Protein backbone atom coordinates (compact mmCIF):
# COMPACT_ATOMS: atom_id res chain seq x y z
CA MET A 1 -8.37 -4.60 0.36
CA ARG A 2 -4.75 -6.02 0.40
CA THR A 3 -3.54 -7.67 3.56
CA PHE A 4 0.20 -7.59 3.91
CA THR A 5 1.15 -10.78 5.79
CA SER A 6 4.88 -11.09 5.97
CA GLN A 7 6.03 -12.18 8.82
CA ALA A 8 9.45 -10.77 8.43
CA HIS A 9 7.57 -7.07 7.92
CA ASP A 10 5.59 -7.63 10.80
CA SER A 11 8.59 -8.29 12.80
CA ASN A 12 10.55 -5.84 11.96
CA TYR A 13 7.54 -3.24 12.16
CA GLY A 14 6.92 -3.97 15.54
CA GLY A 15 10.60 -3.94 16.21
CA ASN A 16 11.00 -0.50 15.29
CA GLN A 17 7.78 0.43 17.36
CA LEU A 18 9.17 -1.00 20.34
CA LEU A 19 12.03 1.02 20.09
CA LEU A 20 10.53 4.41 19.52
CA LEU A 21 7.89 3.62 22.79
CA ASP A 22 11.16 3.07 24.94
CA LYS A 23 12.41 5.98 23.87
CA VAL A 24 8.84 7.67 24.74
CA LEU A 25 8.57 6.38 28.17
CA ARG A 26 12.45 7.71 28.74
CA GLU A 27 11.90 10.89 27.41
CA GLU A 28 8.39 11.76 28.87
CA CYS A 29 7.23 9.23 31.16
CA HIS A 30 9.99 8.20 33.99
CA TYR A 31 8.12 7.05 36.53
CA VAL A 32 7.25 3.78 34.10
CA ASP A 33 8.96 0.71 35.08
CA ARG A 34 9.57 -0.79 32.02
CA ASP A 35 10.67 -4.67 33.32
CA ALA A 36 7.86 -4.41 35.09
CA LEU A 37 5.30 -3.71 31.86
CA GLY A 38 6.96 -6.47 30.65
CA HIS A 39 6.43 -9.04 32.68
CA TRP A 40 2.63 -7.73 33.24
CA CYS A 41 2.41 -8.13 29.12
CA GLY A 42 3.81 -11.70 29.72
CA LEU A 43 7.68 -11.03 28.12
CA ASN A 44 9.86 -12.36 29.56
CA ARG A 45 13.15 -10.97 28.63
CA PRO A 46 13.69 -7.04 28.04
CA TRP A 47 11.33 -5.71 25.41
CA TRP A 48 13.14 -2.43 24.88
CA ILE A 49 16.94 -4.03 22.93
CA PRO A 50 16.79 -4.10 19.26
CA GLU A 51 17.60 -8.30 19.22
CA SER A 52 14.13 -8.45 21.51
CA GLY A 53 12.86 -10.79 19.02
CA TYR A 54 9.05 -9.28 20.21
CA ASN A 55 7.00 -8.34 17.39
CA LEU A 56 3.52 -6.00 16.41
CA ASP A 57 1.52 -8.00 18.75
CA ASP A 58 3.88 -7.91 21.51
CA TYR A 59 4.13 -3.89 21.06
CA LEU A 60 0.53 -3.72 21.20
CA ARG A 61 0.07 -5.32 24.15
CA LEU A 62 2.56 -3.53 25.71
CA LEU A 63 0.34 -0.04 24.56
CA ARG A 64 -2.50 -1.41 25.63
CA GLN A 65 -1.24 -2.11 29.19
CA LEU A 66 0.14 1.45 29.57
CA GLN A 67 -3.18 2.79 28.24
CA THR A 68 -5.12 1.23 31.07
CA ASN A 69 -2.73 1.79 33.43
CA GLU A 70 -0.19 4.80 33.73
CA VAL A 71 -0.26 6.55 30.33
CA PRO A 72 -3.66 6.46 28.95
CA ASN A 73 -2.11 8.61 25.80
CA ILE A 74 0.69 6.45 24.89
CA ALA A 75 -0.87 6.11 21.04
CA LEU A 76 -0.96 9.48 20.88
CA ARG A 77 2.25 10.25 22.33
CA LEU A 78 3.87 7.83 19.94
CA ALA A 79 2.17 8.61 16.98
CA LYS A 80 3.10 12.69 17.33
CA ARG A 81 6.46 11.60 16.83
CA THR A 82 5.90 9.76 12.78
CA ARG A 83 8.59 10.68 10.51
CA ILE A 84 8.25 10.27 6.91
CA ASP A 85 12.06 9.48 6.75
CA ASP A 86 11.40 6.31 9.23
CA ILE A 87 9.23 3.86 6.94
CA GLY A 88 12.31 4.05 4.17
CA VAL A 89 10.34 3.42 0.75
CA MET A 90 7.11 3.92 1.15
CA GLY A 91 8.08 7.46 2.45
CA TYR A 92 9.83 7.87 -0.74
CA ALA A 93 6.79 6.56 -2.62
CA MET A 94 4.58 8.92 -1.43
CA LEU A 95 6.57 12.10 -1.83
CA ALA A 96 7.58 11.01 -5.35
CA SER A 97 3.55 11.20 -6.08
CA PRO A 98 2.89 14.09 -8.01
CA THR A 99 -0.19 15.05 -5.68
CA LEU A 100 -2.03 14.31 -2.43
CA GLU A 101 -4.31 12.72 -3.19
CA LYS A 102 -1.71 9.85 -4.67
CA GLY A 103 0.54 10.35 -1.86
CA LEU A 104 -2.61 9.89 0.45
CA GLN A 105 -3.38 6.28 -1.42
CA ILE A 106 -0.09 4.87 -0.98
CA ALA A 107 -0.41 6.04 2.81
CA SER A 108 -3.45 4.03 3.29
CA HIS A 109 -1.01 1.08 1.42
CA LEU A 110 0.98 1.73 4.71
CA VAL A 111 -1.21 1.20 7.21
CA GLU A 112 -2.46 -1.83 5.96
CA GLU A 113 1.34 -3.34 5.30
CA ASN A 114 1.87 -1.79 9.13
CA TYR A 115 -1.17 -3.00 10.61
CA PRO A 116 -3.22 -6.14 9.07
CA TYR A 117 -5.63 -5.69 11.55
CA LEU A 118 -6.74 -2.75 9.56
CA LYS A 119 -8.61 -1.23 6.59
CA ALA A 120 -7.88 2.42 5.20
CA TRP A 121 -9.22 4.04 2.14
CA LEU A 122 -9.65 7.46 0.78
CA SER A 123 -13.17 8.70 -0.51
CA VAL A 124 -14.30 12.29 -1.66
CA SER A 125 -17.48 14.21 -0.75
CA GLU A 126 -18.70 17.17 -2.17
CA GLU A 127 -16.11 19.57 -0.29
CA HIS A 128 -13.90 17.01 1.60
CA ALA A 129 -11.49 14.26 1.19
CA LEU A 130 -12.00 12.01 3.93
CA LEU A 131 -9.82 9.06 4.96
CA HIS A 132 -11.65 6.03 6.30
CA CYS A 133 -10.05 3.61 8.66
CA GLU A 134 -11.35 0.19 9.98
CA VAL A 135 -10.24 -2.46 12.39
CA LEU A 136 -10.86 -5.48 11.49
CA PRO A 137 -11.97 -8.60 13.61
CA SER A 138 -8.68 -9.70 14.04
CA GLY A 139 -7.48 -6.31 16.04
CA GLN A 140 -10.49 -5.81 18.57
CA GLU A 141 -8.54 -6.16 21.51
CA PHE A 142 -6.59 -3.19 20.48
CA PHE A 143 -9.23 -0.94 18.60
CA GLN A 144 -8.61 2.29 20.11
CA ILE A 145 -4.59 2.34 20.04
CA LEU A 146 -5.06 1.36 16.30
CA ILE A 147 -7.58 4.08 15.85
CA GLU A 148 -5.10 6.73 17.56
CA GLU A 149 -1.68 5.62 16.06
CA TRP A 150 -3.99 5.55 12.77
CA LEU A 151 -5.07 9.00 12.91
CA VAL A 152 -2.54 11.28 14.26
CA SER A 153 0.01 9.08 11.67
CA THR A 154 -2.00 9.98 8.98
CA TRP A 155 -2.43 13.53 9.80
CA ARG A 156 1.79 13.93 10.53
CA TYR A 157 1.87 12.46 6.68
CA ILE A 158 -0.31 14.96 5.80
CA GLN A 159 1.69 17.97 6.91
CA VAL A 160 5.21 16.87 5.88
CA LEU A 161 3.54 16.27 2.30
CA LEU A 162 2.68 19.44 1.82
CA PRO A 163 3.88 23.10 1.29
CA ASP A 164 4.69 24.42 5.07
CA GLY A 165 1.74 26.40 6.35
CA LEU A 166 -0.81 24.74 4.53
CA ALA A 167 -1.89 21.97 6.53
CA ALA A 168 -2.59 23.92 9.54
CA CYS A 169 -5.74 22.56 10.40
CA ALA A 170 -7.52 19.66 9.38
CA SER A 171 -11.68 20.29 8.31
CA TYR A 172 -12.99 17.73 11.18
CA ALA A 173 -12.25 14.21 12.57
CA ALA A 174 -15.01 11.41 13.97
CA LEU A 175 -13.83 8.78 15.93
CA ASN A 176 -15.63 5.83 16.89
CA PHE A 177 -15.41 5.28 20.65
CA ARG A 178 -16.09 6.67 23.67
CA ALA A 179 -13.99 10.43 24.44
CA PRO A 180 -10.95 9.43 27.35
CA THR A 181 -9.75 11.82 29.66
CA TYR A 182 -7.18 13.10 26.95
CA HIS A 183 -9.98 14.19 24.26
CA TRP A 184 -8.81 17.60 24.35
CA GLN A 185 -5.30 16.47 22.83
CA PHE A 186 -6.96 15.66 19.68
CA GLN A 187 -8.13 18.91 18.89
CA GLN A 188 -4.86 20.15 20.16
CA ILE A 189 -3.30 17.82 17.59
CA LEU A 190 -5.52 18.29 14.25
CA GLY A 191 -6.60 21.88 14.49
CA CYS A 192 -10.23 21.51 13.76
CA HIS A 193 -13.59 19.68 15.74
CA VAL A 194 -13.09 16.23 17.10
CA ASP A 195 -16.76 13.99 17.53
CA PHE A 196 -16.73 11.33 18.89
CA GLU A 197 -18.78 7.80 19.49
CA GLN A 198 -19.22 7.90 15.68
CA PRO A 199 -20.35 4.71 13.09
CA HIS A 200 -17.17 5.00 11.71
CA ALA A 201 -13.42 6.48 11.99
CA VAL A 202 -12.67 9.58 9.27
CA LEU A 203 -10.25 12.42 8.92
CA ALA A 204 -11.68 15.09 6.53
CA ILE A 205 -9.15 17.55 4.88
CA PRO A 206 -10.48 20.06 2.32
CA LYS A 207 -11.09 18.46 -1.48
CA GLN A 208 -8.90 20.94 -3.25
CA TRP A 209 -6.07 19.62 -1.38
CA LEU A 210 -5.75 16.29 -3.02
CA TYR A 211 -4.73 18.26 -6.09
CA ILE A 212 -1.77 20.43 -4.81
CA ALA A 213 1.46 19.17 -5.70
CA ILE A 214 3.84 17.54 -3.36
CA GLN A 215 6.46 19.95 -2.33
CA GLY A 216 9.33 17.64 -0.68
CA HIS A 217 11.19 20.21 0.86
CA SER A 218 11.32 19.79 4.23
CA ASP A 219 14.23 17.78 6.68
CA GLU A 220 11.92 14.29 6.63
CA ALA A 221 12.25 14.62 2.84
CA ARG A 222 15.51 15.37 2.13
CA SER A 223 17.15 12.47 4.24
CA LEU A 224 14.47 10.07 2.19
CA TYR A 225 16.19 11.52 -0.87
CA GLU A 226 19.51 11.06 -0.37
CA ASN A 227 18.99 7.54 0.82
CA GLN A 228 17.31 7.17 -2.22
CA ILE A 229 19.89 8.78 -3.65
CA ARG A 230 22.48 6.30 -2.25
CA ARG A 231 20.67 3.22 -3.32
CA LEU A 232 20.36 4.21 -6.82
CA LEU A 233 23.78 5.63 -7.60
CA LYS A 234 25.69 3.01 -5.84
CA GLU A 235 29.38 3.20 -6.87
CA ARG A 236 28.51 6.48 -8.28
CA GLU A 237 27.65 7.50 -5.15
CA TYR A 238 30.07 10.68 -4.74
CA SER A 239 30.28 11.34 -8.16
CA ASN A 240 29.62 14.49 -10.16
CA ASP A 241 29.58 13.73 -13.63
CA LEU A 242 26.58 14.78 -15.85
CA VAL A 243 25.00 11.23 -15.51
CA SER A 244 24.80 11.24 -11.79
CA GLN A 245 23.47 14.86 -11.45
CA VAL A 246 20.92 13.78 -13.91
CA LYS A 247 19.92 10.79 -11.89
CA ARG A 248 19.54 12.60 -8.27
CA LEU A 249 17.51 14.69 -9.52
CA LEU A 250 15.05 12.77 -11.39
CA VAL A 251 15.53 10.41 -7.89
CA GLN A 252 15.08 14.15 -5.75
CA LYS A 253 12.85 15.73 -8.38
CA PRO A 254 10.28 13.24 -9.42
CA GLY A 255 7.16 16.19 -9.86
CA GLU A 256 9.29 18.93 -11.48
CA CYS A 257 11.38 16.50 -13.47
CA SER A 258 8.89 14.60 -15.25
CA TYR A 259 11.49 12.38 -16.92
CA SER A 260 11.51 14.88 -19.35
CA LEU A 261 14.25 16.14 -20.90
CA GLU A 262 13.01 19.57 -21.35
CA LYS A 263 11.64 20.12 -17.99
CA THR A 264 15.20 18.50 -16.56
CA ALA A 265 17.72 20.26 -18.43
CA PRO A 266 16.84 23.99 -17.21
CA LEU A 267 16.78 22.49 -13.79
CA LEU A 268 20.98 21.95 -14.53
CA SER A 269 20.94 25.13 -16.07
CA LEU A 270 21.37 24.08 -19.67
CA SER A 271 19.28 23.20 -22.48
CA PRO A 272 17.77 20.45 -24.00
CA ARG A 273 19.90 20.57 -27.05
CA THR A 274 23.03 21.15 -24.59
CA LEU A 275 22.02 18.43 -22.28
CA ARG A 276 21.29 15.69 -25.19
CA ARG A 277 24.51 16.63 -26.30
CA HIS A 278 26.44 16.04 -23.40
CA LEU A 279 25.50 13.07 -22.91
CA ALA A 280 25.63 11.84 -26.02
CA ASN A 281 29.49 12.57 -25.49
CA LEU A 282 29.17 10.55 -21.94
CA GLY A 283 27.74 7.37 -24.63
CA THR A 284 24.46 7.61 -22.90
CA SER A 285 21.26 9.61 -23.62
CA PHE A 286 18.77 10.97 -21.47
CA ARG A 287 16.24 8.51 -21.76
CA GLN A 288 18.47 5.76 -21.15
CA VAL A 289 19.33 7.56 -17.68
CA CYS A 290 15.67 7.53 -17.32
CA LEU A 291 15.33 4.08 -18.28
CA GLU A 292 17.87 3.42 -15.36
CA VAL A 293 16.07 5.16 -13.04
CA ARG A 294 12.80 4.13 -12.94
CA ILE A 295 14.06 0.48 -13.62
CA GLU A 296 15.91 0.78 -10.30
CA LEU A 297 12.93 2.46 -8.35
CA ALA A 298 11.17 -0.04 -9.38
CA LYS A 299 12.87 -2.95 -8.49
CA ASP A 300 13.19 -1.05 -5.16
CA TYR A 301 9.19 -0.47 -4.92
CA LEU A 302 8.57 -4.50 -5.95
CA LEU A 303 10.98 -5.97 -3.35
CA ASN A 304 10.49 -3.53 -0.28
CA THR A 305 6.21 -2.59 -0.77
CA GLN A 306 2.95 -4.55 -1.93
CA LEU A 307 2.48 -1.46 -4.28
CA THR A 308 1.13 -3.13 -7.52
CA ALA A 309 2.91 -3.22 -10.82
CA GLN A 310 0.55 -1.50 -12.35
CA GLU A 311 0.43 1.66 -9.35
CA ILE A 312 4.34 1.51 -9.53
CA ALA A 313 4.00 2.16 -13.48
CA TYR A 314 1.68 5.38 -12.34
CA GLN A 315 4.40 6.26 -9.68
CA LEU A 316 7.18 5.93 -12.04
CA GLY A 317 5.79 8.53 -14.70
CA TYR A 318 4.17 6.02 -17.19
CA SER A 319 0.77 6.50 -18.69
CA GLN A 320 0.33 3.30 -19.75
CA PRO A 321 1.51 0.33 -17.55
CA ASN A 322 2.19 -1.84 -20.79
CA ASN A 323 4.88 0.29 -21.40
CA PHE A 324 6.38 -0.40 -18.20
CA TYR A 325 6.46 -3.86 -18.55
CA ARG A 326 8.08 -4.35 -21.34
CA ALA A 327 10.91 -1.75 -20.20
CA PHE A 328 10.88 -3.80 -17.01
CA LYS A 329 11.45 -7.20 -18.63
CA SER A 330 13.64 -5.89 -21.35
CA VAL A 331 15.99 -4.96 -18.36
CA THR A 332 16.04 -7.35 -16.07
CA GLY A 333 14.20 -10.48 -18.40
CA SER A 334 11.22 -11.13 -16.50
CA PRO A 335 7.83 -9.21 -16.33
CA PRO A 336 7.69 -6.84 -12.71
CA GLU A 337 5.51 -9.32 -10.84
CA ARG A 338 7.73 -12.52 -11.81
CA PHE A 339 11.08 -10.20 -10.97
CA ARG A 340 8.85 -10.07 -7.40
CA GLU A 341 7.90 -13.62 -6.70
CA SER A 342 11.90 -14.80 -7.82
CA ARG A 343 13.13 -12.50 -4.73
CA ILE A 344 10.62 -13.12 -2.53
CA LEU A 345 10.92 -17.31 -2.20
């Protein structure tokens, strides 16, 4: 397991979750006194303002206090509001994955990046894909909260990644803690049988779902695509020239384009030959446009995620990671991992 230990990331994620917690309390739990809640958790300044400076541990302490007292199901309330467009580049990486299997592998990375107390992974049995979660010793004091957030958030990602209506119900879930008073809500959310007091925390879905292509047609997906396009096109953001159109397609429909001239041209209502000629008239080529998009996406992944260079290569459609390494070095002057290290230091 790779544990993400960036304090800056931890603080940022914890801060975002604190803002979500405040929203949930204001909209669903008017009876909770936010000042008193902070006092009981040892927080001596308002925790619900963006500049509070509190982190993930502070967020989890607030949840534990709420779970013990006024709002036992607070983790479920929060996790139900999980949106893939709230997680930036990692959300885009999930949507840009060719299949649900690849998307869920990235989701496991996301869990470990956001929660250094967790280990998450995917395995496959004869009939089911099994998503596992284990709380590490450092997170035992928040055990149930962490498992509940993982379970429901993961299910929300699956629902967004799969075509509408397909992910109506999981196969089953097993949880390694005693059934709480709100146990029925788990079945209501997942649409499947949930067993408590089991040896391990597992969410099972049909095995065949793993091979389904990710559609990415939801409002959340469109929001993430637009953010990624704005980041990629930069000064050409509002341009409608052919190069920008091709770049937009490569970002917004990576599965359909596959960085292939033959697959991309019909999406522009052009023949491959015509697209090649138009790009040549503009002083570029389809191969060059693809390279520019891939390198910009690679930089984004390297600087904003903990995906390895090999994982990024596969994510960008390179069948051989060495081809990605050579291409990245030829454009940036340094190998991918060295590029990452030089920007972090």
